[in-house]
Amino acid sequence: QVLLVESGGGKVQAGGSLRLSCEVTGTIFSRQAMRWYRQAPGKKEREWVTTITSDNDAYYIESVEGRFTIARDNAKNTVYLQMNSLKPEDTAIYYCNLPDTGGDYWGQGTQVGVFT
């Protein structure tokens, strides 16, 4: 059984930083690409934020480019999202995602709130 467990959310003043973690169990983590999505208040759809491949190539949505960094530690089966220079528009529930042809796996989400 594949499980994803996020942690690290919270409330922070604009300009501050947070680091999210997502621990993965039940699969060979090092072979997996991993993604972060977010769902802003009042929005029905989750928005893709970033992807890291098994080769450590990283991709970002333009709005977080230069502020967010995705990283992975295969020894800990964990993917991280370092978020710097946070803005109120980054307020959302952040979800860790493991893409799979048989159906993606999702974490439970972790809340990030950015206030002015």
N, C-alpha and C. Protein backbone atom coordinates (compact mmCIF):
# COMPACT_ATOMS: atom_id res chain seq x y z
N GLN A 1 0.86 -1.19 0.00
CA GLN A 1 0.00 0.00 0.00
C GLN A 1 0.89 1.24 0.00
N VAL A 2 0.63 2.12 -0.96
CA VAL A 2 1.40 3.35 -1.06
C VAL A 2 0.76 4.42 -0.19
N LEU A 3 1.57 5.04 0.65
CA LEU A 3 1.08 6.11 1.52
C LEU A 3 1.98 7.32 1.39
N LEU A 4 1.35 8.50 1.37
CA LEU A 4 2.07 9.77 1.34
C LEU A 4 1.60 10.59 2.54
N VAL A 5 2.53 11.05 3.33
CA VAL A 5 2.18 11.82 4.52
C VAL A 5 2.94 13.14 4.51
N GLU A 6 2.19 14.24 4.41
CA GLU A 6 2.80 15.57 4.39
C GLU A 6 2.91 16.13 5.80
N SER A 7 3.83 17.06 5.95
CA SER A 7 3.97 17.82 7.19
C SER A 7 4.66 19.13 6.88
N GLY A 8 4.62 20.05 7.84
CA GLY A 8 5.37 21.28 7.70
C GLY A 8 4.57 22.52 7.37
N GLY A 9 3.27 22.39 7.21
CA GLY A 9 2.47 23.57 6.92
C GLY A 9 2.35 24.47 8.13
N GLY A 10 1.71 25.62 7.94
CA GLY A 10 1.52 26.55 9.03
C GLY A 10 1.16 27.92 8.52
N LYS A 11 1.21 28.91 9.43
CA LYS A 11 0.93 30.29 9.08
C LYS A 11 2.21 31.09 9.17
N VAL A 12 2.42 31.95 8.19
CA VAL A 12 3.65 32.73 8.15
C VAL A 12 3.34 34.10 7.55
N GLN A 13 4.10 35.07 7.98
CA GLN A 13 3.94 36.41 7.44
C GLN A 13 4.51 36.46 6.03
N ALA A 14 3.94 37.32 5.21
CA ALA A 14 4.43 37.48 3.84
C ALA A 14 5.93 37.79 3.86
N GLY A 15 6.64 37.14 2.96
CA GLY A 15 8.09 37.27 2.92
C GLY A 15 8.81 36.17 3.68
N GLY A 16 8.07 35.43 4.47
CA GLY A 16 8.66 34.36 5.25
C GLY A 16 8.84 33.07 4.47
N SER A 17 9.24 32.04 5.20
CA SER A 17 9.56 30.75 4.58
C SER A 17 8.91 29.60 5.34
N LEU A 18 8.65 28.55 4.61
CA LEU A 18 8.20 27.29 5.18
C LEU A 18 8.82 26.15 4.38
N ARG A 19 9.00 25.02 5.03
CA ARG A 19 9.43 23.82 4.31
C ARG A 19 8.44 22.71 4.56
N LEU A 20 7.90 22.20 3.47
CA LEU A 20 6.98 21.07 3.53
C LEU A 20 7.75 19.78 3.28
N SER A 21 7.29 18.72 3.94
CA SER A 21 7.87 17.39 3.73
C SER A 21 6.78 16.41 3.35
N CYS A 22 7.15 15.41 2.60
CA CYS A 22 6.22 14.35 2.22
C CYS A 22 6.98 13.03 2.27
N GLU A 23 6.63 12.20 3.22
CA GLU A 23 7.26 10.89 3.34
C GLU A 23 6.41 9.86 2.62
N VAL A 24 7.07 9.04 1.84
CA VAL A 24 6.40 8.05 1.00
C VAL A 24 6.77 6.64 1.45
N THR A 25 5.79 5.79 1.59
CA THR A 25 6.05 4.39 1.91
C THR A 25 5.28 3.50 0.94
N GLY A 26 5.75 2.25 0.81
CA GLY A 26 5.02 1.27 0.01
C GLY A 26 5.42 1.20 -1.44
N THR A 27 6.49 1.89 -1.82
CA THR A 27 6.95 1.86 -3.20
C THR A 27 8.44 2.11 -3.23
N ILE A 28 9.05 1.86 -4.39
CA ILE A 28 10.48 2.14 -4.54
C ILE A 28 10.61 3.62 -4.87
N PHE A 29 10.78 4.41 -3.82
CA PHE A 29 10.70 5.86 -3.93
C PHE A 29 11.69 6.42 -4.95
N SER A 30 12.90 5.90 -4.97
CA SER A 30 13.95 6.47 -5.81
C SER A 30 13.61 6.41 -7.30
N ARG A 31 12.70 5.55 -7.68
CA ARG A 31 12.34 5.41 -9.08
C ARG A 31 11.17 6.31 -9.49
N GLN A 32 10.60 7.02 -8.54
CA GLN A 32 9.37 7.76 -8.78
C GLN A 32 9.63 9.24 -9.01
N ALA A 33 8.93 9.82 -9.97
CA ALA A 33 8.80 11.27 -10.00
C ALA A 33 7.82 11.66 -8.90
N MET A 34 7.99 12.85 -8.36
CA MET A 34 7.10 13.34 -7.31
C MET A 34 6.65 14.75 -7.66
N ARG A 35 5.45 15.10 -7.23
CA ARG A 35 4.89 16.41 -7.54
C ARG A 35 4.28 17.03 -6.29
N TRP A 36 4.19 18.34 -6.31
CA TRP A 36 3.39 19.09 -5.34
C TRP A 36 2.29 19.84 -6.11
N TYR A 37 1.10 19.78 -5.55
CA TYR A 37 -0.03 20.55 -6.03
C TYR A 37 -0.53 21.43 -4.89
N ARG A 38 -1.37 22.39 -5.22
CA ARG A 38 -2.01 23.19 -4.19
C ARG A 38 -3.44 23.54 -4.61
N GLN A 39 -4.27 23.76 -3.60
CA GLN A 39 -5.65 24.15 -3.84
C GLN A 39 -5.94 25.36 -2.98
N ALA A 40 -6.14 26.48 -3.65
CA ALA A 40 -6.38 27.74 -2.95
C ALA A 40 -7.81 27.79 -2.43
N PRO A 41 -8.05 28.62 -1.42
CA PRO A 41 -9.41 28.75 -0.87
C PRO A 41 -10.40 29.17 -1.96
N GLY A 42 -11.53 28.50 -2.00
CA GLY A 42 -12.56 28.83 -2.97
C GLY A 42 -12.33 28.27 -4.36
N LYS A 43 -11.20 27.66 -4.60
CA LYS A 43 -10.92 27.09 -5.92
C LYS A 43 -11.29 25.60 -5.93
N LYS A 44 -11.90 25.16 -7.01
CA LYS A 44 -12.31 23.77 -7.12
C LYS A 44 -11.17 22.87 -7.57
N GLU A 45 -10.26 23.43 -8.36
CA GLU A 45 -9.21 22.62 -8.94
C GLU A 45 -7.91 22.76 -8.17
N ARG A 46 -7.18 21.68 -8.15
CA ARG A 46 -5.82 21.72 -7.62
C ARG A 46 -4.90 22.20 -8.73
N GLU A 47 -3.94 22.99 -8.35
CA GLU A 47 -2.98 23.57 -9.29
C GLU A 47 -1.64 22.88 -9.13
N TRP A 48 -1.11 22.42 -10.26
CA TRP A 48 0.23 21.86 -10.21
C TRP A 48 1.24 22.95 -9.85
N VAL A 49 2.17 22.61 -8.97
CA VAL A 49 3.18 23.58 -8.53
C VAL A 49 4.57 23.20 -9.02
N THR A 50 4.96 21.95 -8.82
CA THR A 50 6.33 21.56 -9.14
C THR A 50 6.44 20.04 -9.26
N THR A 51 7.43 19.61 -10.01
CA THR A 51 7.76 18.20 -10.19
C THR A 51 9.25 18.00 -10.05
N ILE A 52 9.62 16.89 -9.44
CA ILE A 52 11.01 16.45 -9.46
C ILE A 52 11.03 15.03 -10.01
N THR A 53 11.91 14.79 -10.98
CA THR A 53 11.98 13.47 -11.58
C THR A 53 12.90 12.57 -10.77
N SER A 54 12.95 11.31 -11.16
CA SER A 54 13.86 10.38 -10.48
C SER A 54 15.31 10.74 -10.74
N ASP A 55 15.56 11.53 -11.78
CA ASP A 55 16.91 12.00 -12.09
C ASP A 55 17.20 13.36 -11.48
N ASN A 56 16.29 13.84 -10.64
CA ASN A 56 16.45 15.13 -9.96
C ASN A 56 16.27 16.35 -10.86
N ASP A 57 15.65 16.19 -12.00
CA ASP A 57 15.27 17.34 -12.79
C ASP A 57 14.02 17.96 -12.15
N ALA A 58 14.00 19.27 -12.07
CA ALA A 58 12.90 19.96 -11.39
C ALA A 58 12.22 20.95 -12.34
N TYR A 59 10.92 21.06 -12.18
CA TYR A 59 10.09 21.94 -13.00
C TYR A 59 9.12 22.67 -12.08
N TYR A 60 8.83 23.93 -12.43
CA TYR A 60 8.00 24.77 -11.57
C TYR A 60 6.97 25.55 -12.37
N ILE A 61 5.85 25.81 -11.73
CA ILE A 61 4.92 26.77 -12.30
C ILE A 61 5.58 28.15 -12.22
N GLU A 62 5.28 28.99 -13.19
CA GLU A 62 5.98 30.28 -13.30
C GLU A 62 5.84 31.13 -12.04
N SER A 63 4.71 31.06 -11.41
CA SER A 63 4.44 31.95 -10.27
C SER A 63 5.31 31.64 -9.04
N VAL A 64 5.94 30.48 -9.00
CA VAL A 64 6.80 30.15 -7.86
C VAL A 64 8.26 30.03 -8.24
N GLU A 65 8.54 30.15 -9.52
CA GLU A 65 9.92 30.04 -10.01
C GLU A 65 10.81 31.03 -9.28
N GLY A 66 11.93 30.52 -8.76
CA GLY A 66 12.87 31.38 -8.05
C GLY A 66 12.56 31.55 -6.57
N ARG A 67 11.38 31.13 -6.15
CA ARG A 67 11.01 31.24 -4.73
C ARG A 67 10.88 29.86 -4.06
N PHE A 68 10.42 28.89 -4.80
CA PHE A 68 10.22 27.54 -4.28
C PHE A 68 11.30 26.61 -4.83
N THR A 69 11.67 25.65 -4.01
CA THR A 69 12.63 24.63 -4.45
C THR A 69 12.15 23.26 -4.01
N ILE A 70 12.07 22.35 -4.96
CA ILE A 70 11.73 20.96 -4.64
C ILE A 70 13.02 20.16 -4.55
N ALA A 71 13.04 19.22 -3.62
CA ALA A 71 14.22 18.38 -3.44
C ALA A 71 13.75 17.02 -2.91
N ARG A 72 14.63 16.04 -3.06
CA ARG A 72 14.28 14.72 -2.57
C ARG A 72 15.46 14.10 -1.84
N ASP A 73 15.14 13.26 -0.87
CA ASP A 73 16.15 12.49 -0.16
C ASP A 73 15.73 11.03 -0.28
N ASN A 74 16.35 10.31 -1.18
CA ASN A 74 15.94 8.94 -1.42
C ASN A 74 16.23 8.02 -0.23
N ALA A 75 17.22 8.37 0.57
CA ALA A 75 17.52 7.57 1.76
C ALA A 75 16.40 7.66 2.79
N LYS A 76 15.67 8.77 2.76
CA LYS A 76 14.56 8.98 3.72
C LYS A 76 13.19 8.82 3.06
N ASN A 77 13.16 8.47 1.79
CA ASN A 77 11.89 8.34 1.07
C ASN A 77 11.03 9.59 1.22
N THR A 78 11.66 10.73 1.11
CA THR A 78 10.98 11.99 1.40
C THR A 78 11.26 13.01 0.31
N VAL A 79 10.23 13.75 -0.04
CA VAL A 79 10.36 14.89 -0.94
C VAL A 79 10.02 16.15 -0.15
N TYR A 80 10.74 17.21 -0.46
CA TYR A 80 10.59 18.47 0.27
C TYR A 80 10.17 19.58 -0.68
N LEU A 81 9.51 20.59 -0.11
CA LEU A 81 9.23 21.80 -0.84
C LEU A 81 9.64 22.98 0.04
N GLN A 82 10.74 23.60 -0.31
CA GLN A 82 11.21 24.78 0.38
C GLN A 82 10.55 25.99 -0.25
N MET A 83 9.82 26.75 0.55
CA MET A 83 9.07 27.90 0.04
C MET A 83 9.61 29.17 0.70
N ASN A 84 10.19 30.02 -0.10
CA ASN A 84 10.73 31.29 0.39
C ASN A 84 9.96 32.46 -0.21
N SER A 85 10.13 33.62 0.38
CA SER A 85 9.47 34.84 -0.12
C SER A 85 7.98 34.60 -0.35
N LEU A 86 7.35 34.00 0.64
CA LEU A 86 5.94 33.63 0.49
C LEU A 86 5.05 34.85 0.34
N LYS A 87 4.01 34.69 -0.47
CA LYS A 87 3.06 35.74 -0.75
C LYS A 87 1.66 35.29 -0.31
N PRO A 88 0.77 36.23 -0.05
CA PRO A 88 -0.60 35.82 0.33
C PRO A 88 -1.24 34.90 -0.69
N GLU A 89 -0.92 35.08 -1.95
CA GLU A 89 -1.51 34.23 -2.99
C GLU A 89 -0.97 32.80 -2.96
N ASP A 90 0.03 32.52 -2.14
CA ASP A 90 0.50 31.15 -1.95
C ASP A 90 -0.35 30.39 -0.93
N THR A 91 -1.27 31.09 -0.29
CA THR A 91 -2.15 30.44 0.69
C THR A 91 -2.96 29.35 0.01
N ALA A 92 -2.87 28.13 0.55
CA ALA A 92 -3.53 26.98 -0.07
C ALA A 92 -3.31 25.75 0.80
N ILE A 93 -4.01 24.71 0.46
CA ILE A 93 -3.67 23.38 0.97
C ILE A 93 -2.71 22.77 -0.04
N TYR A 94 -1.58 22.30 0.44
CA TYR A 94 -0.55 21.73 -0.43
C TYR A 94 -0.60 20.21 -0.34
N TYR A 95 -0.60 19.59 -1.51
CA TYR A 95 -0.71 18.14 -1.60
C TYR A 95 0.52 17.55 -2.29
N CYS A 96 1.02 16.50 -1.73
CA CYS A 96 2.06 15.71 -2.34
C CYS A 96 1.41 14.68 -3.27
N ASN A 97 2.04 14.44 -4.41
CA ASN A 97 1.45 13.55 -5.41
C ASN A 97 2.51 12.63 -5.99
N LEU A 98 2.13 11.36 -6.14
CA LEU A 98 2.98 10.38 -6.80
C LEU A 98 2.22 9.90 -8.03
N PRO A 99 2.71 10.27 -9.22
CA PRO A 99 1.99 9.87 -10.43
C PRO A 99 2.15 8.38 -10.70
N ASP A 100 1.08 7.77 -11.14
CA ASP A 100 1.11 6.34 -11.43
C ASP A 100 0.10 6.05 -12.53
N THR A 101 0.47 5.17 -13.45
CA THR A 101 -0.42 4.86 -14.57
C THR A 101 -1.72 4.22 -14.10
N GLY A 102 -1.68 3.60 -12.95
CA GLY A 102 -2.89 2.96 -12.42
C GLY A 102 -3.73 3.89 -11.56
N GLY A 103 -3.30 5.14 -11.48
CA GLY A 103 -4.01 6.10 -10.63
C GLY A 103 -3.06 6.75 -9.66
N ASP A 104 -3.02 8.07 -9.66
CA ASP A 104 -2.08 8.80 -8.82
C ASP A 104 -2.38 8.56 -7.34
N TYR A 105 -1.33 8.71 -6.55
CA TYR A 105 -1.47 8.67 -5.10
C TYR A 105 -1.33 10.08 -4.56
N TRP A 106 -2.11 10.38 -3.51
CA TRP A 106 -2.12 11.71 -2.92
C TRP A 106 -1.94 11.62 -1.41
N GLY A 107 -1.30 12.64 -0.88
CA GLY A 107 -1.27 12.79 0.55
C GLY A 107 -2.54 13.46 1.04
N GLN A 108 -2.61 13.65 2.35
CA GLN A 108 -3.83 14.22 2.96
C GLN A 108 -3.86 15.73 2.85
N GLY A 109 -2.74 16.34 2.52
CA GLY A 109 -2.67 17.79 2.40
C GLY A 109 -2.18 18.45 3.67
N THR A 110 -1.52 19.58 3.50
CA THR A 110 -1.07 20.37 4.63
C THR A 110 -1.36 21.85 4.33
N GLN A 111 -1.91 22.54 5.32
CA GLN A 111 -2.38 23.90 5.12
C GLN A 111 -1.24 24.90 5.24
N VAL A 112 -1.18 25.81 4.28
CA VAL A 112 -0.22 26.92 4.31
C VAL A 112 -1.01 28.21 4.24
N GLY A 113 -0.77 29.08 5.21
CA GLY A 113 -1.43 30.37 5.24
C GLY A 113 -0.40 31.49 5.29
N VAL A 114 -0.53 32.47 4.40
CA VAL A 114 0.41 33.58 4.35
C VAL A 114 -0.38 34.87 4.58
N PHE A 115 0.00 35.62 5.61
CA PHE A 115 -0.74 36.83 5.96
C PHE A 115 0.16 38.05 5.84
N THR A 116 -0.47 39.19 5.66
CA THR A 116 0.28 40.46 5.56
C THR A 116 0.30 41.17 6.89
